[in-house]
Amino acid sequence: MSEERTERPERTERPERPQQRGSGPRKRRPFQRRKVCRFCADKTLVIDYKDPRVLRSFITERGKIVPRRISGNCSAHQREITEAIKRARNIALIPIASTHVIA
């Protein structure tokens, strides 16, 4: 074995990273409040198909059921809401469509 040590090559400086896309500063994401299930937060609220006042807040102006990604409900409560809205529509407590006209 030879006892000669090989010298390490000198470190070369790293090339500078290119700028991020675009020349401006990084865009920040706008602050968005985290959605919380209304029924999990307040245990006194009850989902009942006979209470159209609560159910109306989960129906769009066109009569569609608001999805949970928009309403912020958890999946279990969203299922209950959907079922309650359908029951309320079935017994005519809530109109099926916004343009529903009774003759």
PDB file of N, CA and C in Angstrom:
ATOM      1  N   MET A   1       0.841  -1.176   0.000  1.00  0.00           N
ATOM      2  CA  MET A   1       0.000   0.000   0.000  1.00  0.00           C
ATOM      3  C   MET A   1       0.877   1.226   0.000  1.00  0.00           C
ATOM      4  N   SER A   2       0.532   2.067  -0.792  1.00  0.00           N
ATOM      5  CA  SER A   2       1.316   3.286  -0.827  1.00  0.00           C
ATOM      6  C   SER A   2       0.781   4.272   0.197  1.00  0.00           C
ATOM      7  N   GLU A   3       1.700   4.953   0.815  1.00  0.00           N
ATOM      8  CA  GLU A   3       1.286   5.907   1.827  1.00  0.00           C
ATOM      9  C   GLU A   3       1.104   7.306   1.277  1.00  0.00           C
ATOM     10  N   GLU A   4       1.156   7.384   0.022  1.00  0.00           N
ATOM     11  CA  GLU A   4       0.922   8.694  -0.586  1.00  0.00           C
ATOM     12  C   GLU A   4      -0.542   9.061  -0.487  1.00  0.00           C
ATOM     13  N   ARG A   5      -0.744  10.230  -0.032  1.00  0.00           N
ATOM     14  CA  ARG A   5      -2.123  10.707   0.035  1.00  0.00           C
ATOM     15  C   ARG A   5      -2.397  11.561  -1.192  1.00  0.00           C
ATOM     16  N   THR A   6      -3.511  11.274  -1.695  1.00  0.00           N
ATOM     17  CA  THR A   6      -3.892  12.117  -2.822  1.00  0.00           C
ATOM     18  C   THR A   6      -4.600  13.352  -2.280  1.00  0.00           C
ATOM     19  N   GLU A   7      -4.224  14.432  -2.786  1.00  0.00           N
ATOM     20  CA  GLU A   7      -4.863  15.668  -2.331  1.00  0.00           C
ATOM     21  C   GLU A   7      -6.230  15.827  -2.957  1.00  0.00           C
ATOM     22  N   ARG A   8      -7.074  16.337  -2.118  1.00  0.00           N
ATOM     23  CA  ARG A   8      -8.427  16.599  -2.619  1.00  0.00           C
ATOM     24  C   ARG A   8      -8.399  17.801  -3.548  1.00  0.00           C
ATOM     25  N   PRO A   9      -9.189  17.696  -4.547  1.00  0.00           N
ATOM     26  CA  PRO A   9      -9.279  18.890  -5.399  1.00  0.00           C
ATOM     27  C   PRO A   9      -9.973  20.016  -4.640  1.00  0.00           C
ATOM     28  N   GLU A  10      -9.561  21.210  -4.926  1.00  0.00           N
ATOM     29  CA  GLU A  10     -10.176  22.347  -4.234  1.00  0.00           C
ATOM     30  C   GLU A  10     -11.645  22.442  -4.573  1.00  0.00           C
ATOM     31  N   ARG A  11     -12.340  22.837  -3.547  1.00  0.00           N
ATOM     32  CA  ARG A  11     -13.789  22.997  -3.744  1.00  0.00           C
ATOM     33  C   ARG A  11     -14.059  24.178  -4.648  1.00  0.00           C
ATOM     34  N   THR A  12     -14.896  23.894  -5.541  1.00  0.00           N
ATOM     35  CA  THR A  12     -15.317  25.025  -6.372  1.00  0.00           C
ATOM     36  C   THR A  12     -16.629  25.568  -5.807  1.00  0.00           C
ATOM     37  N   GLU A  13     -16.794  26.817  -5.935  1.00  0.00           N
ATOM     38  CA  GLU A  13     -18.027  27.406  -5.418  1.00  0.00           C
ATOM     39  C   GLU A  13     -19.204  26.961  -6.261  1.00  0.00           C
ATOM     40  N   ARG A  14     -20.272  26.769  -5.547  1.00  0.00           N
ATOM     41  CA  ARG A  14     -21.489  26.364  -6.255  1.00  0.00           C
ATOM     42  C   ARG A  14     -21.982  27.507  -7.142  1.00  0.00           C
ATOM     43  N   PRO A  15     -22.455  27.102  -8.267  1.00  0.00           N
ATOM     44  CA  PRO A  15     -23.056  28.162  -9.086  1.00  0.00           C
ATOM     45  C   PRO A  15     -24.348  28.648  -8.437  1.00  0.00           C
ATOM     46  N   GLU A  16     -24.610  29.906  -8.549  1.00  0.00           N
ATOM     47  CA  GLU A  16     -25.816  30.445  -7.926  1.00  0.00           C
ATOM     48  C   GLU A  16     -27.045  29.905  -8.614  1.00  0.00           C
ATOM     49  N   ARG A  17     -28.033  29.672  -7.775  1.00  0.00           N
ATOM     50  CA  ARG A  17     -29.294  29.161  -8.327  1.00  0.00           C
ATOM     51  C   ARG A  17     -29.961  30.247  -9.160  1.00  0.00           C
ATOM     52  N   PRO A  18     -30.585  29.799 -10.193  1.00  0.00           N
ATOM     53  CA  PRO A  18     -31.325  30.803 -10.958  1.00  0.00           C
ATOM     54  C   PRO A  18     -32.523  31.308 -10.155  1.00  0.00           C
ATOM     55  N   GLN A  19     -32.946  32.484 -10.429  1.00  0.00           N
ATOM     56  CA  GLN A  19     -34.096  33.069  -9.730  1.00  0.00           C
ATOM     57  C   GLN A  19     -35.329  32.208  -9.938  1.00  0.00           C
ATOM     58  N   GLN A  20     -36.231  32.298  -8.993  1.00  0.00           N
ATOM     59  CA  GLN A  20     -37.491  31.585  -9.131  1.00  0.00           C
ATOM     60  C   GLN A  20     -38.226  32.129 -10.354  1.00  0.00           C
ATOM     61  N   ARG A  21     -39.209  31.377 -10.734  1.00  0.00           N
ATOM     62  CA  ARG A  21     -39.991  31.813 -11.890  1.00  0.00           C
ATOM     63  C   ARG A  21     -40.489  33.234 -11.666  1.00  0.00           C
ATOM     64  N   GLY A  22     -40.376  33.993 -12.681  1.00  0.00           N
ATOM     65  CA  GLY A  22     -40.807  35.379 -12.548  1.00  0.00           C
ATOM     66  C   GLY A  22     -39.762  36.155 -11.784  1.00  0.00           C
ATOM     67  N   SER A  23     -39.737  37.400 -11.973  1.00  0.00           N
ATOM     68  CA  SER A  23     -38.714  38.194 -11.312  1.00  0.00           C
ATOM     69  C   SER A  23     -39.205  38.789  -9.997  1.00  0.00           C
ATOM     70  N   GLY A  24     -40.496  38.785  -9.761  1.00  0.00           N
ATOM     71  CA  GLY A  24     -41.051  39.406  -8.556  1.00  0.00           C
ATOM     72  C   GLY A  24     -40.950  38.513  -7.349  1.00  0.00           C
ATOM     73  N   PRO A  25     -41.350  39.036  -6.214  1.00  0.00           N
ATOM     74  CA  PRO A  25     -41.320  38.216  -4.998  1.00  0.00           C
ATOM     75  C   PRO A  25     -42.379  37.117  -5.066  1.00  0.00           C
ATOM     76  N   ARG A  26     -42.175  36.123  -4.228  1.00  0.00           N
ATOM     77  CA  ARG A  26     -43.106  35.005  -4.194  1.00  0.00           C
ATOM     78  C   ARG A  26     -44.496  35.476  -3.792  1.00  0.00           C
ATOM     79  N   LYS A  27     -45.485  34.897  -4.443  1.00  0.00           N
ATOM     80  CA  LYS A  27     -46.853  35.270  -4.084  1.00  0.00           C
ATOM     81  C   LYS A  27     -47.255  34.511  -2.832  1.00  0.00           C
ATOM     82  N   ARG A  28     -47.891  35.207  -1.949  1.00  0.00           N
ATOM     83  CA  ARG A  28     -48.391  34.549  -0.753  1.00  0.00           C
ATOM     84  C   ARG A  28     -49.809  34.080  -0.998  1.00  0.00           C
ATOM     85  N   ARG A  29     -50.118  32.941  -0.369  1.00  0.00           N
ATOM     86  CA  ARG A  29     -51.493  32.472  -0.471  1.00  0.00           C
ATOM     87  C   ARG A  29     -52.356  33.361   0.398  1.00  0.00           C
ATOM     88  N   PRO A  30     -53.523  33.713  -0.084  1.00  0.00           N
ATOM     89  CA  PRO A  30     -54.384  34.544   0.742  1.00  0.00           C
ATOM     90  C   PRO A  30     -54.861  33.769   1.971  1.00  0.00           C
ATOM     91  N   PHE A  31     -54.973  34.468   3.060  1.00  0.00           N
ATOM     92  CA  PHE A  31     -55.406  33.814   4.300  1.00  0.00           C
ATOM     93  C   PHE A  31     -56.845  33.368   4.156  1.00  0.00           C
ATOM     94  N   GLN A  32     -57.095  32.148   4.509  1.00  0.00           N
ATOM     95  CA  GLN A  32     -58.449  31.635   4.424  1.00  0.00           C
ATOM     96  C   GLN A  32     -58.780  30.965   5.746  1.00  0.00           C
ATOM     97  N   ARG A  33     -59.878  31.380   6.312  1.00  0.00           N
ATOM     98  CA  ARG A  33     -60.279  30.809   7.583  1.00  0.00           C
ATOM     99  C   ARG A  33     -60.650  29.343   7.396  1.00  0.00           C
ATOM    100  N   ARG A  34     -60.226  28.523   8.327  1.00  0.00           N
ATOM    101  CA  ARG A  34     -60.507  27.095   8.247  1.00  0.00           C
ATOM    102  C   ARG A  34     -61.986  26.861   8.527  1.00  0.00           C
ATOM    103  N   LYS A  35     -62.586  26.029   7.675  1.00  0.00           N
ATOM    104  CA  LYS A  35     -64.008  25.744   7.835  1.00  0.00           C
ATOM    105  C   LYS A  35     -64.204  24.706   8.926  1.00  0.00           C
ATOM    106  N   VAL A  36     -65.192  24.939   9.735  1.00  0.00           N
ATOM    107  CA  VAL A  36     -65.482  24.033  10.838  1.00  0.00           C
ATOM    108  C   VAL A  36     -66.930  23.585  10.700  1.00  0.00           C
ATOM    109  N   CYS A  37     -67.150  22.322  10.973  1.00  0.00           N
ATOM    110  CA  CYS A  37     -68.516  21.807  10.915  1.00  0.00           C
ATOM    111  C   CYS A  37     -69.336  22.499  12.002  1.00  0.00           C
ATOM    112  N   ARG A  38     -70.414  23.106  11.572  1.00  0.00           N
ATOM    113  CA  ARG A  38     -71.262  23.872  12.482  1.00  0.00           C
ATOM    114  C   ARG A  38     -71.884  22.975  13.543  1.00  0.00           C
ATOM    115  N   PHE A  39     -72.210  21.764  13.160  1.00  0.00           N
ATOM    116  CA  PHE A  39     -72.902  20.863  14.073  1.00  0.00           C
ATOM    117  C   PHE A  39     -71.940  20.178  15.046  1.00  0.00           C
ATOM    118  N   CYS A  40     -70.688  20.023  14.634  1.00  0.00           N
ATOM    119  CA  CYS A  40     -69.694  19.470  15.564  1.00  0.00           C
ATOM    120  C   CYS A  40     -69.280  20.529  16.582  1.00  0.00           C
ATOM    121  N   ALA A  41     -69.238  21.794  16.143  1.00  0.00           N
ATOM    122  CA  ALA A  41     -68.822  22.862  17.038  1.00  0.00           C
ATOM    123  C   ALA A  41     -69.890  23.168  18.077  1.00  0.00           C
ATOM    124  N   ASP A  42     -71.148  23.135  17.657  1.00  0.00           N
ATOM    125  CA  ASP A  42     -72.253  23.446  18.564  1.00  0.00           C
ATOM    126  C   ASP A  42     -73.139  22.209  18.676  1.00  0.00           C
ATOM    127  N   LYS A  43     -73.000  21.515  19.777  1.00  0.00           N
ATOM    128  CA  LYS A  43     -73.728  20.257  19.948  1.00  0.00           C
ATOM    129  C   LYS A  43     -75.225  20.464  20.156  1.00  0.00           C
ATOM    130  N   THR A  44     -75.644  21.698  20.419  1.00  0.00           N
ATOM    131  CA  THR A  44     -77.075  21.932  20.643  1.00  0.00           C
ATOM    132  C   THR A  44     -77.859  21.970  19.335  1.00  0.00           C
ATOM    133  N   LEU A  45     -77.168  22.248  18.226  1.00  0.00           N
ATOM    134  CA  LEU A  45     -77.849  22.273  16.935  1.00  0.00           C
ATOM    135  C   LEU A  45     -78.252  20.851  16.540  1.00  0.00           C
ATOM    136  N   VAL A  46     -79.464  20.739  16.081  1.00  0.00           N
ATOM    137  CA  VAL A  46     -79.994  19.429  15.701  1.00  0.00           C
ATOM    138  C   VAL A  46     -80.442  19.499  14.245  1.00  0.00           C
ATOM    139  N   ILE A  47     -80.143  18.458  13.508  1.00  0.00           N
ATOM    140  CA  ILE A  47     -80.594  18.377  12.119  1.00  0.00           C
ATOM    141  C   ILE A  47     -81.939  17.673  12.118  1.00  0.00           C
ATOM    142  N   ASP A  48     -82.962  18.402  11.712  1.00  0.00           N
ATOM    143  CA  ASP A  48     -84.309  17.850  11.699  1.00  0.00           C
ATOM    144  C   ASP A  48     -84.972  18.220  10.387  1.00  0.00           C
ATOM    145  N   TYR A  49     -85.575  17.260   9.738  1.00  0.00           N
ATOM    146  CA  TYR A  49     -86.212  17.548   8.456  1.00  0.00           C
ATOM    147  C   TYR A  49     -87.445  18.435   8.609  1.00  0.00           C
ATOM    148  N   LYS A  50     -87.984  18.535   9.819  1.00  0.00           N
ATOM    149  CA  LYS A  50     -89.165  19.363  10.041  1.00  0.00           C
ATOM    150  C   LYS A  50     -88.807  20.816  10.318  1.00  0.00           C
ATOM    151  N   ASP A  51     -87.508  21.137  10.316  1.00  0.00           N
ATOM    152  CA  ASP A  51     -87.056  22.509  10.572  1.00  0.00           C
ATOM    153  C   ASP A  51     -86.432  23.090   9.300  1.00  0.00           C
ATOM    154  N   PRO A  52     -87.256  23.643   8.410  1.00  0.00           N
ATOM    155  CA  PRO A  52     -86.720  24.136   7.133  1.00  0.00           C
ATOM    156  C   PRO A  52     -85.819  25.355   7.273  1.00  0.00           C
ATOM    157  N   ARG A  53     -85.921  26.062   8.374  1.00  0.00           N
ATOM    158  CA  ARG A  53     -85.082  27.251   8.569  1.00  0.00           C
ATOM    159  C   ARG A  53     -83.602  26.884   8.620  1.00  0.00           C
ATOM    160  N   VAL A  54     -83.287  25.795   9.297  1.00  0.00           N
ATOM    161  CA  VAL A  54     -81.893  25.337   9.366  1.00  0.00           C
ATOM    162  C   VAL A  54     -81.455  24.775   8.014  1.00  0.00           C
ATOM    163  N   LEU A  55     -82.358  24.062   7.369  1.00  0.00           N
ATOM    164  CA  LEU A  55     -82.015  23.392   6.115  1.00  0.00           C
ATOM    165  C   LEU A  55     -81.812  24.375   4.975  1.00  0.00           C
ATOM    166  N   ARG A  56     -82.509  25.507   4.994  1.00  0.00           N
ATOM    167  CA  ARG A  56     -82.400  26.479   3.902  1.00  0.00           C
ATOM    168  C   ARG A  56     -80.987  27.035   3.749  1.00  0.00           C
ATOM    169  N   SER A  57     -80.230  27.065   4.825  1.00  0.00           N
ATOM    170  CA  SER A  57     -78.867  27.588   4.730  1.00  0.00           C
ATOM    171  C   SER A  57     -77.932  26.622   3.983  1.00  0.00           C
ATOM    172  N   PHE A  58     -78.405  25.411   3.736  1.00  0.00           N
ATOM    173  CA  PHE A  58     -77.589  24.431   3.015  1.00  0.00           C
ATOM    174  C   PHE A  58     -78.123  24.160   1.615  1.00  0.00           C
ATOM    175  N   ILE A  59     -78.963  25.074   1.133  1.00  0.00           N
ATOM    176  CA  ILE A  59     -79.518  24.951  -0.211  1.00  0.00           C
ATOM    177  C   ILE A  59     -79.161  26.215  -0.975  1.00  0.00           C
ATOM    178  N   THR A  60     -78.711  26.066  -2.217  1.00  0.00           N
ATOM    179  CA  THR A  60     -78.376  27.230  -3.029  1.00  0.00           C
ATOM    180  C   THR A  60     -79.653  27.913  -3.502  1.00  0.00           C
ATOM    181  N   GLU A  61     -79.492  29.067  -4.095  1.00  0.00           N
ATOM    182  CA  GLU A  61     -80.674  29.785  -4.578  1.00  0.00           C
ATOM    183  C   GLU A  61     -81.336  29.071  -5.755  1.00  0.00           C
ATOM    184  N   ARG A  62     -80.622  28.168  -6.376  1.00  0.00           N
ATOM    185  CA  ARG A  62     -81.218  27.376  -7.454  1.00  0.00           C
ATOM    186  C   ARG A  62     -81.822  26.073  -6.937  1.00  0.00           C
ATOM    187  N   GLY A  63     -81.716  25.837  -5.655  1.00  0.00           N
ATOM    188  CA  GLY A  63     -82.340  24.663  -5.068  1.00  0.00           C
ATOM    189  C   GLY A  63     -81.434  23.471  -4.911  1.00  0.00           C
ATOM    190  N   LYS A  64     -80.134  23.645  -5.183  1.00  0.00           N
ATOM    191  CA  LYS A  64     -79.215  22.519  -5.040  1.00  0.00           C
ATOM    192  C   LYS A  64     -78.671  22.450  -3.619  1.00  0.00           C
ATOM    193  N   ILE A  65     -78.278  21.260  -3.225  1.00  0.00           N
ATOM    194  CA  ILE A  65     -77.702  21.064  -1.902  1.00  0.00           C
ATOM    195  C   ILE A  65     -76.245  21.514  -1.937  1.00  0.00           C
ATOM    196  N   VAL A  66     -75.857  22.334  -0.981  1.00  0.00           N
ATOM    197  CA  VAL A  66     -74.491  22.868  -0.931  1.00  0.00           C
ATOM    198  C   VAL A  66     -73.529  21.744  -0.564  1.00  0.00           C
ATOM    199  N   PRO A  67     -72.452  21.544  -1.343  1.00  0.00           N
ATOM    200  CA  PRO A  67     -71.503  20.472  -1.018  1.00  0.00           C
ATOM    201  C   PRO A  67     -70.703  20.800   0.237  1.00  0.00           C
ATOM    202  N   ARG A  68     -70.139  19.781   0.827  1.00  0.00           N
ATOM    203  CA  ARG A  68     -69.440  19.977   2.104  1.00  0.00           C
ATOM    204  C   ARG A  68     -68.140  20.733   1.953  1.00  0.00           C
ATOM    205  N   ARG A  69     -67.562  20.738   0.765  1.00  0.00           N
ATOM    206  CA  ARG A  69     -66.335  21.516   0.583  1.00  0.00           C
ATOM    207  C   ARG A  69     -66.634  23.008   0.671  1.00  0.00           C
ATOM    208  N   ILE A  70     -67.858  23.387   0.445  1.00  0.00           N
ATOM    209  CA  ILE A  70     -68.242  24.788   0.557  1.00  0.00           C
ATOM    210  C   ILE A  70     -68.859  25.072   1.920  1.00  0.00           C
ATOM    211  N   SER A  71     -69.732  24.180   2.381  1.00  0.00           N
ATOM    212  CA  SER A  71     -70.403  24.443   3.662  1.00  0.00           C
ATOM    213  C   SER A  71     -69.473  24.200   4.846  1.00  0.00           C
ATOM    214  N   GLY A  72     -68.503  23.306   4.706  1.00  0.00           N
ATOM    215  CA  GLY A  72     -67.577  23.037   5.796  1.00  0.00           C
ATOM    216  C   GLY A  72     -68.057  21.946   6.736  1.00  0.00           C
ATOM    217  N   ASN A  73     -69.138  21.290   6.404  1.00  0.00           N
ATOM    218  CA  ASN A  73     -69.642  20.224   7.265  1.00  0.00           C
ATOM    219  C   ASN A  73     -68.743  18.993   7.208  1.00  0.00           C
ATOM    220  N   CYS A  74     -68.772  18.217   8.282  1.00  0.00           N
ATOM    221  CA  CYS A  74     -68.064  16.942   8.256  1.00  0.00           C
ATOM    222  C   CYS A  74     -68.930  15.970   7.453  1.00  0.00           C
ATOM    223  N   SER A  75     -68.366  14.851   7.072  1.00  0.00           N
ATOM    224  CA  SER A  75     -69.085  13.945   6.177  1.00  0.00           C
ATOM    225  C   SER A  75     -70.332  13.358   6.831  1.00  0.00           C
ATOM    226  N   ALA A  76     -70.257  13.059   8.107  1.00  0.00           N
ATOM    227  CA  ALA A  76     -71.414  12.464   8.784  1.00  0.00           C
ATOM    228  C   ALA A  76     -72.575  13.455   8.829  1.00  0.00           C
ATOM    229  N   HIS A  77     -72.276  14.711   9.169  1.00  0.00           N
ATOM    230  CA  HIS A  77     -73.347  15.702   9.231  1.00  0.00           C
ATOM    231  C   HIS A  77     -73.841  16.088   7.841  1.00  0.00           C
ATOM    232  N   GLN A  78     -72.956  16.051   6.862  1.00  0.00           N
ATOM    233  CA  GLN A  78     -73.395  16.354   5.497  1.00  0.00           C
ATOM    234  C   GLN A  78     -74.401  15.299   5.025  1.00  0.00           C
ATOM    235  N   ARG A  79     -74.133  14.050   5.371  1.00  0.00           N
ATOM    236  CA  ARG A  79     -75.091  12.996   4.995  1.00  0.00           C
ATOM    237  C   ARG A  79     -76.436  13.215   5.675  1.00  0.00           C
ATOM    238  N   GLU A  80     -76.401  13.596   6.951  1.00  0.00           N
ATOM    239  CA  GLU A  80     -77.654  13.858   7.664  1.00  0.00           C
ATOM    240  C   GLU A  80     -78.401  15.034   7.056  1.00  0.00           C
ATOM    241  N   ILE A  81     -77.669  16.081   6.705  1.00  0.00           N
ATOM    242  CA  ILE A  81     -78.282  17.259   6.084  1.00  0.00           C
ATOM    243  C   ILE A  81     -78.945  16.878   4.764  1.00  0.00           C
ATOM    244  N   THR A  82     -78.221  16.121   3.959  1.00  0.00           N
ATOM    245  CA  THR A  82     -78.755  15.709   2.654  1.00  0.00           C
ATOM    246  C   THR A  82     -80.037  14.902   2.826  1.00  0.00           C
ATOM    247  N   GLU A  83     -79.993  13.978   3.754  1.00  0.00           N
ATOM    248  CA  GLU A  83     -81.176  13.142   3.997  1.00  0.00           C
ATOM    249  C   GLU A  83     -82.341  13.988   4.503  1.00  0.00           C
ATOM    250  N   ALA A  84     -82.068  14.929   5.390  1.00  0.00           N
ATOM    251  CA  ALA A  84     -83.124  15.782   5.934  1.00  0.00           C
ATOM    252  C   ALA A  84     -83.721  16.676   4.846  1.00  0.00           C
ATOM    253  N   ILE A  85     -82.875  17.209   3.963  1.00  0.00           N
ATOM    254  CA  ILE A  85     -83.376  18.059   2.874  1.00  0.00           C
ATOM    255  C   ILE A  85     -84.274  17.241   1.944  1.00  0.00           C
ATOM    256  N   LYS A  86     -83.855  16.043   1.639  1.00  0.00           N
ATOM    257  CA  LYS A  86     -84.664  15.202   0.752  1.00  0.00           C
ATOM    258  C   LYS A  86     -85.996  14.833   1.389  1.00  0.00           C
ATOM    259  N   ARG A  87     -85.984  14.569   2.683  1.00  0.00           N
ATOM    260  CA  ARG A  87     -87.244  14.268   3.373  1.00  0.00           C
ATOM    261  C   ARG A  87     -88.146  15.493   3.398  1.00  0.00           C
ATOM    262  N   ALA A  88     -87.558  16.653   3.665  1.00  0.00           N
ATOM    263  CA  ALA A  88     -88.347  17.888   3.712  1.00  0.00           C
ATOM    264  C   ALA A  88     -88.927  18.208   2.333  1.00  0.00           C
ATOM    265  N   ARG A  89     -88.180  17.933   1.294  1.00  0.00           N
ATOM    266  CA  ARG A  89     -88.705  18.148  -0.066  1.00  0.00           C
ATOM    267  C   ARG A  89     -89.841  17.178  -0.353  1.00  0.00           C
ATOM    268  N   ASN A  90     -89.684  15.970   0.130  1.00  0.00           N
ATOM    269  CA  ASN A  90     -90.689  14.942  -0.140  1.00  0.00           C
ATOM    270  C   ASN A  90     -92.033  15.280   0.478  1.00  0.00           C
ATOM    271  N   ILE A  91     -92.039  15.908   1.631  1.00  0.00           N
ATOM    272  CA  ILE A  91     -93.317  16.285   2.248  1.00  0.00           C
ATOM    273  C   ILE A  91     -93.618  17.760   2.033  1.00  0.00           C
ATOM    274  N   ALA A  92     -92.917  18.376   1.079  1.00  0.00           N
ATOM    275  CA  ALA A  92     -93.195  19.732   0.594  1.00  0.00           C
ATOM    276  C   ALA A  92     -92.964  20.826   1.638  1.00  0.00           C
ATOM    277  N   LEU A  93     -92.015  20.642   2.527  1.00  0.00           N
ATOM    278  CA  LEU A  93     -91.653  21.731   3.437  1.00  0.00           C
ATOM    279  C   LEU A  93     -90.671  22.682   2.755  1.00  0.00           C
ATOM    280  N   ILE A  94     -89.896  22.138   1.812  1.00  0.00           N
ATOM    281  CA  ILE A  94     -88.919  22.912   1.052  1.00  0.00           C
ATOM    282  C   ILE A  94     -89.210  22.678  -0.429  1.00  0.00           C
ATOM    283  N   PRO A  95     -89.209  23.734  -1.247  1.00  0.00           N
ATOM    284  CA  PRO A  95     -89.426  23.507  -2.676  1.00  0.00           C
ATOM    285  C   PRO A  95     -88.249  22.776  -3.301  1.00  0.00           C
ATOM    286  N   ILE A  96     -88.545  21.996  -4.306  1.00  0.00           N
ATOM    287  CA  ILE A  96     -87.497  21.228  -4.978  1.00  0.00           C
ATOM    288  C   ILE A  96     -86.626  22.137  -5.824  1.00  0.00           C
ATOM    289  N   ALA A  97     -87.241  23.081  -6.520  1.00  0.00           N
ATOM    290  CA  ALA A  97     -86.502  24.041  -7.330  1.00  0.00           C
ATOM    291  C   ALA A  97     -86.928  25.446  -6.925  1.00  0.00           C
ATOM    292  N   SER A  98     -86.066  26.414  -7.198  1.00  0.00           N
ATOM    293  CA  SER A  98     -86.390  27.789  -6.790  1.00  0.00           C
ATOM    294  C   SER A  98     -87.550  28.353  -7.589  1.00  0.00           C
ATOM    295  N   THR A  99     -87.710  27.855  -8.806  1.00  0.00           N
ATOM    296  CA  THR A  99     -88.784  28.374  -9.650  1.00  0.00           C
ATOM    297  C   THR A  99     -90.049  27.536  -9.545  1.00  0.00           C
ATOM    298  N   HIS A 100     -90.088  26.721  -8.514  1.00  0.00           N
ATOM    299  CA  HIS A 100     -91.245  25.860  -8.320  1.00  0.00           C
ATOM    300  C   HIS A 100     -92.469  26.726  -8.023  1.00  0.00           C
ATOM    301  N   VAL A 101     -93.451  26.646  -8.886  1.00  0.00           N
ATOM    302  CA  VAL A 101     -94.661  27.457  -8.730  1.00  0.00           C
ATOM    303  C   VAL A 101     -95.830  26.534  -8.455  1.00  0.00           C
ATOM    304  N   ILE A 102     -96.547  26.879  -7.433  1.00  0.00           N
ATOM    305  CA  ILE A 102     -97.731  26.084  -7.108  1.00  0.00           C
ATOM    306  C   ILE A 102     -98.929  26.713  -7.820  1.00  0.00           C
ATOM    307  N   ALA A 103     -99.620  25.940  -8.620  1.00  0.00           N
ATOM    308  CA  ALA A 103    -100.759  26.482  -9.389  1.00  0.00           C
ATOM    309  C   ALA A 103    -102.039  26.395  -8.605  1.00  0.00           C
TER     310      ALA A 103
END
